[in-house]
Amino acid sequence: MIVTDQTVLFLILGAVFGFLLWGRVRYDLVAFGALVVAVIAGAVPSGVAFSGFGHPATVIVALVLIFSRGLSNSGAVELLARYVVSSTRPLVVHIGLMSGVGAVLSAVMNNVAALALLMPIDSEAATRASGVQA
């Protein structure tokens, strides 16, 4: 049996899913390890192995995650959640309100950035509504 690049990548992907489901290894180490194994196996050319880190989409996602964490750590999320979360407001109204805010933000900025702004607020709203840490 000839091992093709597709077979190697499929096996690596299966191992990645296994490690992620196991949950004992950090996800960034699993992803980096999978890339290294793919390069060593020859399935990914070494010259382009790290080219994805400079792609604008990767940079935007990284910045969005940093910005989102900064919003959460600064207390701004709790401040905004006070105005958004109301125990008297029905769930449908809350979803409509957050969808409207997301639509307005997406009209003037990158969709991923709008998601980063709303994700911590929605997480805080879910925590307050259910009493469970999101």
N, C-alpha and C. Protein backbone atom coordinates (compact mmCIF):
# COMPACT_ATOMS: atom_id res chain seq x y z
N MET A 1 0.84 -1.19 0.00
CA MET A 1 0.00 0.00 0.00
C MET A 1 0.88 1.25 0.00
N ILE A 2 0.59 2.17 -0.88
CA ILE A 2 1.34 3.40 -0.97
C ILE A 2 0.67 4.44 -0.07
N VAL A 3 1.49 5.07 0.77
CA VAL A 3 0.98 6.10 1.66
C VAL A 3 1.03 7.43 0.93
N THR A 4 -0.12 8.03 0.73
CA THR A 4 -0.19 9.31 0.04
C THR A 4 -0.22 10.44 1.07
N ASP A 5 -0.03 11.65 0.56
CA ASP A 5 -0.10 12.82 1.44
C ASP A 5 -1.48 12.93 2.10
N GLN A 6 -2.52 12.56 1.34
CA GLN A 6 -3.86 12.63 1.90
C GLN A 6 -4.02 11.66 3.07
N THR A 7 -3.45 10.47 2.95
CA THR A 7 -3.53 9.49 4.03
C THR A 7 -2.79 10.00 5.26
N VAL A 8 -1.61 10.55 5.04
CA VAL A 8 -0.82 11.09 6.16
C VAL A 8 -1.59 12.21 6.84
N LEU A 9 -2.12 13.13 6.06
CA LEU A 9 -2.87 14.25 6.64
C LEU A 9 -4.13 13.77 7.35
N PHE A 10 -4.80 12.75 6.81
CA PHE A 10 -5.98 12.20 7.47
C PHE A 10 -5.61 11.58 8.81
N LEU A 11 -4.49 10.86 8.87
CA LEU A 11 -4.04 10.28 10.13
C LEU A 11 -3.66 11.36 11.14
N ILE A 12 -2.99 12.40 10.66
CA ILE A 12 -2.63 13.52 11.55
C ILE A 12 -3.89 14.20 12.07
N LEU A 13 -4.87 14.40 11.20
CA LEU A 13 -6.13 15.02 11.61
C LEU A 13 -6.84 14.17 12.66
N GLY A 14 -6.83 12.85 12.47
CA GLY A 14 -7.42 11.95 13.46
C GLY A 14 -6.72 12.06 14.80
N ALA A 15 -5.38 12.14 14.77
CA ALA A 15 -4.62 12.29 16.01
C ALA A 15 -4.93 13.63 16.67
N VAL A 16 -5.05 14.68 15.87
CA VAL A 16 -5.39 16.00 16.42
C VAL A 16 -6.75 15.95 17.12
N PHE A 17 -7.75 15.37 16.47
CA PHE A 17 -9.06 15.24 17.10
C PHE A 17 -8.97 14.44 18.39
N GLY A 18 -8.19 13.36 18.36
CA GLY A 18 -8.02 12.54 19.56
C GLY A 18 -7.41 13.33 20.71
N PHE A 19 -6.35 14.08 20.43
CA PHE A 19 -5.71 14.88 21.48
C PHE A 19 -6.63 15.99 21.99
N LEU A 20 -7.38 16.61 21.08
CA LEU A 20 -8.29 17.67 21.50
C LEU A 20 -9.43 17.11 22.36
N LEU A 21 -9.95 15.95 21.99
CA LEU A 21 -10.99 15.33 22.81
C LEU A 21 -10.45 14.87 24.15
N TRP A 22 -9.22 14.40 24.16
CA TRP A 22 -8.60 13.95 25.41
C TRP A 22 -8.46 15.12 26.37
N GLY A 23 -8.08 16.28 25.86
CA GLY A 23 -8.05 17.50 26.64
C GLY A 23 -6.88 17.67 27.59
N ARG A 24 -5.90 16.82 27.54
CA ARG A 24 -4.77 16.93 28.46
C ARG A 24 -3.59 17.70 27.88
N VAL A 25 -3.64 17.95 26.59
CA VAL A 25 -2.58 18.70 25.92
C VAL A 25 -3.19 19.99 25.40
N ARG A 26 -2.48 21.10 25.61
CA ARG A 26 -3.00 22.39 25.16
C ARG A 26 -3.23 22.38 23.66
N TYR A 27 -4.32 23.05 23.24
CA TYR A 27 -4.70 23.02 21.82
C TYR A 27 -3.66 23.64 20.91
N ASP A 28 -2.94 24.67 21.39
CA ASP A 28 -1.93 25.29 20.54
C ASP A 28 -0.75 24.34 20.32
N LEU A 29 -0.40 23.56 21.34
CA LEU A 29 0.68 22.58 21.18
C LEU A 29 0.25 21.45 20.26
N VAL A 30 -1.01 21.05 20.33
CA VAL A 30 -1.52 20.01 19.43
C VAL A 30 -1.44 20.50 17.98
N ALA A 31 -1.88 21.72 17.74
CA ALA A 31 -1.86 22.27 16.38
C ALA A 31 -0.44 22.42 15.85
N PHE A 32 0.45 22.96 16.69
CA PHE A 32 1.83 23.13 16.26
C PHE A 32 2.50 21.78 16.02
N GLY A 33 2.23 20.83 16.90
CA GLY A 33 2.78 19.48 16.73
C GLY A 33 2.29 18.83 15.44
N ALA A 34 1.03 19.03 15.11
CA ALA A 34 0.49 18.47 13.87
C ALA A 34 1.18 19.08 12.66
N LEU A 35 1.45 20.38 12.71
CA LEU A 35 2.15 21.03 11.60
C LEU A 35 3.57 20.48 11.46
N VAL A 36 4.25 20.32 12.58
CA VAL A 36 5.62 19.79 12.55
C VAL A 36 5.63 18.37 11.99
N VAL A 37 4.70 17.54 12.44
CA VAL A 37 4.63 16.15 11.94
C VAL A 37 4.33 16.15 10.44
N ALA A 38 3.44 17.03 9.99
CA ALA A 38 3.11 17.10 8.56
C ALA A 38 4.32 17.53 7.73
N VAL A 39 5.13 18.43 8.26
CA VAL A 39 6.35 18.85 7.56
C VAL A 39 7.35 17.71 7.52
N ILE A 40 7.55 17.05 8.66
CA ILE A 40 8.51 15.94 8.72
C ILE A 40 8.08 14.81 7.79
N ALA A 41 6.76 14.55 7.72
CA ALA A 41 6.26 13.48 6.85
C ALA A 41 6.29 13.87 5.38
N GLY A 42 6.53 15.14 5.09
CA GLY A 42 6.60 15.59 3.71
C GLY A 42 5.26 15.96 3.10
N ALA A 43 4.21 15.94 3.90
CA ALA A 43 2.89 16.28 3.39
C ALA A 43 2.72 17.79 3.21
N VAL A 44 3.49 18.57 3.96
CA VAL A 44 3.47 20.03 3.83
C VAL A 44 4.89 20.47 3.52
N PRO A 45 5.09 21.22 2.43
CA PRO A 45 6.44 21.70 2.10
C PRO A 45 6.98 22.62 3.19
N SER A 46 8.23 22.41 3.56
CA SER A 46 8.81 23.19 4.66
C SER A 46 8.90 24.68 4.34
N GLY A 47 8.99 25.02 3.08
CA GLY A 47 9.09 26.43 2.70
C GLY A 47 7.83 27.23 2.95
N VAL A 48 6.70 26.56 3.00
CA VAL A 48 5.43 27.27 3.19
C VAL A 48 4.73 26.87 4.48
N ALA A 49 5.41 26.13 5.33
CA ALA A 49 4.77 25.61 6.54
C ALA A 49 4.26 26.71 7.45
N PHE A 50 4.98 27.79 7.55
CA PHE A 50 4.59 28.86 8.47
C PHE A 50 4.05 30.09 7.75
N SER A 51 3.78 29.98 6.47
CA SER A 51 3.30 31.14 5.71
C SER A 51 1.90 31.57 6.15
N GLY A 52 1.12 30.68 6.70
CA GLY A 52 -0.23 31.02 7.13
C GLY A 52 -0.26 31.99 8.30
N PHE A 53 0.82 32.04 9.09
CA PHE A 53 0.84 32.94 10.24
C PHE A 53 0.88 34.41 9.83
N GLY A 54 1.30 34.69 8.61
CA GLY A 54 1.34 36.06 8.13
C GLY A 54 0.11 36.47 7.34
N HIS A 55 -0.83 35.54 7.17
CA HIS A 55 -2.05 35.83 6.42
C HIS A 55 -2.92 36.81 7.21
N PRO A 56 -3.53 37.78 6.53
CA PRO A 56 -4.35 38.77 7.25
C PRO A 56 -5.46 38.15 8.11
N ALA A 57 -6.06 37.06 7.66
CA ALA A 57 -7.13 36.45 8.45
C ALA A 57 -6.60 35.91 9.78
N THR A 58 -5.42 35.32 9.75
CA THR A 58 -4.82 34.80 10.98
C THR A 58 -4.49 35.93 11.94
N VAL A 59 -3.95 36.99 11.41
CA VAL A 59 -3.59 38.15 12.25
C VAL A 59 -4.85 38.77 12.85
N ILE A 60 -5.91 38.89 12.06
CA ILE A 60 -7.16 39.47 12.56
C ILE A 60 -7.74 38.62 13.68
N VAL A 61 -7.76 37.30 13.49
CA VAL A 61 -8.31 36.42 14.52
C VAL A 61 -7.48 36.53 15.80
N ALA A 62 -6.16 36.57 15.68
CA ALA A 62 -5.31 36.70 16.87
C ALA A 62 -5.58 38.03 17.59
N LEU A 63 -5.66 39.11 16.83
CA LEU A 63 -5.94 40.41 17.43
C LEU A 63 -7.32 40.47 18.07
N VAL A 64 -8.28 39.82 17.43
CA VAL A 64 -9.64 39.79 17.98
C VAL A 64 -9.67 39.05 19.31
N LEU A 65 -8.96 37.94 19.39
CA LEU A 65 -8.92 37.19 20.65
C LEU A 65 -8.24 38.01 21.75
N ILE A 66 -7.18 38.71 21.41
CA ILE A 66 -6.49 39.56 22.39
C ILE A 66 -7.41 40.70 22.84
N PHE A 67 -8.08 41.32 21.88
CA PHE A 67 -8.99 42.42 22.20
C PHE A 67 -10.16 41.94 23.06
N SER A 68 -10.68 40.79 22.73
CA SER A 68 -11.80 40.22 23.49
C SER A 68 -11.40 39.93 24.92
N ARG A 69 -10.21 39.38 25.11
CA ARG A 69 -9.72 39.11 26.47
C ARG A 69 -9.49 40.42 27.22
N GLY A 70 -8.98 41.42 26.53
CA GLY A 70 -8.77 42.72 27.16
C GLY A 70 -10.08 43.34 27.62
N LEU A 71 -11.12 43.22 26.80
CA LEU A 71 -12.43 43.72 27.20
C LEU A 71 -12.93 43.00 28.45
N SER A 72 -12.75 41.71 28.48
CA SER A 72 -13.21 40.93 29.64
C SER A 72 -12.43 41.30 30.89
N ASN A 73 -11.12 41.43 30.76
CA ASN A 73 -10.27 41.72 31.93
C ASN A 73 -10.43 43.15 32.43
N SER A 74 -10.82 44.06 31.55
CA SER A 74 -10.92 45.47 31.95
C SER A 74 -12.18 45.80 32.74
N GLY A 75 -13.16 44.93 32.68
CA GLY A 75 -14.42 45.20 33.35
C GLY A 75 -15.44 45.86 32.44
N ALA A 76 -15.04 46.17 31.22
CA ALA A 76 -15.97 46.81 30.28
C ALA A 76 -17.13 45.89 29.95
N VAL A 77 -16.87 44.59 29.92
CA VAL A 77 -17.93 43.64 29.60
C VAL A 77 -19.02 43.67 30.66
N GLU A 78 -18.61 43.69 31.93
CA GLU A 78 -19.60 43.73 33.00
C GLU A 78 -20.42 45.02 32.94
N LEU A 79 -19.75 46.12 32.62
CA LEU A 79 -20.44 47.40 32.51
C LEU A 79 -21.48 47.36 31.39
N LEU A 80 -21.08 46.86 30.23
CA LEU A 80 -22.01 46.77 29.11
C LEU A 80 -23.11 45.75 29.38
N ALA A 81 -22.75 44.65 30.04
CA ALA A 81 -23.75 43.61 30.32
C ALA A 81 -24.84 44.12 31.25
N ARG A 82 -24.51 45.06 32.13
CA ARG A 82 -25.53 45.64 33.02
C ARG A 82 -26.66 46.29 32.22
N TYR A 83 -26.30 46.91 31.09
CA TYR A 83 -27.31 47.57 30.27
C TYR A 83 -28.03 46.60 29.34
N VAL A 84 -27.36 45.54 28.96
CA VAL A 84 -27.93 44.59 28.00
C VAL A 84 -28.76 43.52 28.70
N VAL A 85 -28.26 43.01 29.81
CA VAL A 85 -28.91 41.89 30.50
C VAL A 85 -29.99 42.43 31.43
N SER A 86 -31.17 41.89 31.27
CA SER A 86 -32.28 42.27 32.14
C SER A 86 -33.11 41.02 32.42
N SER A 87 -33.38 40.77 33.69
CA SER A 87 -34.15 39.58 34.04
C SER A 87 -35.61 39.72 33.61
N THR A 88 -36.05 40.93 33.35
CA THR A 88 -37.44 41.14 32.93
C THR A 88 -37.61 41.04 31.42
N ARG A 89 -36.49 41.05 30.70
CA ARG A 89 -36.54 41.01 29.24
C ARG A 89 -36.63 39.55 28.78
N PRO A 90 -37.58 39.23 27.90
CA PRO A 90 -37.67 37.85 27.38
C PRO A 90 -36.44 37.49 26.54
N LEU A 91 -36.17 36.21 26.44
CA LEU A 91 -35.01 35.72 25.69
C LEU A 91 -35.06 36.17 24.24
N VAL A 92 -36.22 36.13 23.63
CA VAL A 92 -36.35 36.52 22.22
C VAL A 92 -35.95 37.98 22.02
N VAL A 93 -36.32 38.83 22.95
CA VAL A 93 -35.96 40.25 22.86
C VAL A 93 -34.45 40.42 23.02
N HIS A 94 -33.87 39.66 23.96
CA HIS A 94 -32.41 39.74 24.16
C HIS A 94 -31.67 39.30 22.90
N ILE A 95 -32.11 38.20 22.31
CA ILE A 95 -31.46 37.71 21.08
C ILE A 95 -31.61 38.74 19.97
N GLY A 96 -32.79 39.33 19.84
CA GLY A 96 -33.01 40.36 18.83
C GLY A 96 -32.14 41.58 19.05
N LEU A 97 -32.01 42.00 20.31
CA LEU A 97 -31.17 43.14 20.65
C LEU A 97 -29.71 42.88 20.29
N MET A 98 -29.20 41.73 20.69
CA MET A 98 -27.79 41.41 20.40
C MET A 98 -27.57 41.23 18.89
N SER A 99 -28.55 40.66 18.20
CA SER A 99 -28.43 40.51 16.74
C SER A 99 -28.41 41.87 16.06
N GLY A 100 -29.25 42.79 16.54
CA GLY A 100 -29.26 44.13 15.97
C GLY A 100 -27.95 44.87 16.19
N VAL A 101 -27.42 44.75 17.41
CA VAL A 101 -26.13 45.38 17.69
C VAL A 101 -25.04 44.77 16.81
N GLY A 102 -25.08 43.44 16.66
CA GLY A 102 -24.10 42.77 15.79
C GLY A 102 -24.22 43.21 14.35
N ALA A 103 -25.44 43.40 13.87
CA ALA A 103 -25.65 43.84 12.49
C ALA A 103 -25.11 45.25 12.28
N VAL A 104 -25.36 46.13 13.23
CA VAL A 104 -24.86 47.50 13.12
C VAL A 104 -23.33 47.52 13.14
N LEU A 105 -22.75 46.76 14.07
CA LEU A 105 -21.28 46.70 14.13
C LEU A 105 -20.69 46.11 12.85
N SER A 106 -21.32 45.05 12.32
CA SER A 106 -20.81 44.41 11.11
C SER A 106 -20.92 45.31 9.89
N ALA A 107 -21.82 46.27 9.94
CA ALA A 107 -21.96 47.19 8.81
C ALA A 107 -20.80 48.16 8.71
N VAL A 108 -20.13 48.43 9.84
CA VAL A 108 -19.06 49.43 9.84
C VAL A 108 -17.69 48.85 10.15
N MET A 109 -17.62 47.57 10.46
CA MET A 109 -16.32 46.97 10.78
C MET A 109 -16.29 45.52 10.33
N ASN A 110 -15.14 44.91 10.45
CA ASN A 110 -14.94 43.51 10.11
C ASN A 110 -15.87 42.64 10.95
N ASN A 111 -16.47 41.61 10.34
CA ASN A 111 -17.40 40.73 11.05
C ASN A 111 -16.74 40.03 12.23
N VAL A 112 -15.49 39.63 12.07
CA VAL A 112 -14.79 38.95 13.16
C VAL A 112 -14.56 39.91 14.32
N ALA A 113 -14.26 41.16 14.02
CA ALA A 113 -14.07 42.15 15.07
C ALA A 113 -15.39 42.42 15.80
N ALA A 114 -16.49 42.46 15.05
CA ALA A 114 -17.80 42.64 15.68
C ALA A 114 -18.11 41.46 16.60
N LEU A 115 -17.77 40.28 16.15
CA LEU A 115 -17.96 39.09 16.98
C LEU A 115 -17.13 39.19 18.25
N ALA A 116 -15.91 39.68 18.13
CA ALA A 116 -15.04 39.80 19.30
C ALA A 116 -15.60 40.78 20.32
N LEU A 117 -16.26 41.82 19.85
CA LEU A 117 -16.86 42.77 20.77
C LEU A 117 -18.07 42.17 21.49
N LEU A 118 -18.85 41.38 20.77
CA LEU A 118 -20.09 40.86 21.35
C LEU A 118 -19.92 39.54 22.10
N MET A 119 -18.90 38.78 21.76
CA MET A 119 -18.73 37.47 22.38
C MET A 119 -18.60 37.54 23.90
N PRO A 120 -17.76 38.40 24.47
CA PRO A 120 -17.68 38.45 25.93
C PRO A 120 -18.97 38.95 26.57
N ILE A 121 -19.68 39.85 25.90
CA ILE A 121 -20.94 40.36 26.45
C ILE A 121 -21.98 39.25 26.47
N ASP A 122 -22.07 38.49 25.39
CA ASP A 122 -23.02 37.38 25.36
C ASP A 122 -22.65 36.30 26.37
N SER A 123 -21.37 36.06 26.53
CA SER A 123 -20.93 35.08 27.53
C SER A 123 -21.32 35.52 28.93
N GLU A 124 -21.12 36.79 29.22
CA GLU A 124 -21.51 37.33 30.53
C GLU A 124 -23.03 37.29 30.70
N ALA A 125 -23.76 37.60 29.64
CA ALA A 125 -25.22 37.55 29.71
C ALA A 125 -25.71 36.13 29.97
N ALA A 126 -25.08 35.15 29.32
CA ALA A 126 -25.46 33.76 29.53
C ALA A 126 -25.16 33.33 30.96
N THR A 127 -24.02 33.78 31.50
CA THR A 127 -23.66 33.44 32.87
C THR A 127 -24.67 34.03 33.85
N ARG A 128 -25.03 35.27 33.64
CA ARG A 128 -26.00 35.92 34.54
C ARG A 128 -27.38 35.30 34.43
N ALA A 129 -27.76 34.91 33.22
CA ALA A 129 -29.10 34.37 33.02
C ALA A 129 -29.24 32.97 33.60
N SER A 130 -28.20 32.16 33.47
CA SER A 130 -28.31 30.77 33.91
C SER A 130 -27.61 30.48 35.22
N GLY A 131 -26.72 31.37 35.64
CA GLY A 131 -25.96 31.12 36.86
C GLY A 131 -24.83 30.13 36.67
N VAL A 132 -24.54 29.76 35.43
CA VAL A 132 -23.49 28.81 35.11
C VAL A 132 -22.36 29.56 34.43
N GLN A 133 -21.12 29.24 34.81
CA GLN A 133 -19.96 29.89 34.19
C GLN A 133 -19.87 29.48 32.73
N ALA A 134 -19.87 30.45 31.81
CA ALA A 134 -19.81 30.16 30.37
C ALA A 134 -18.38 30.03 29.92
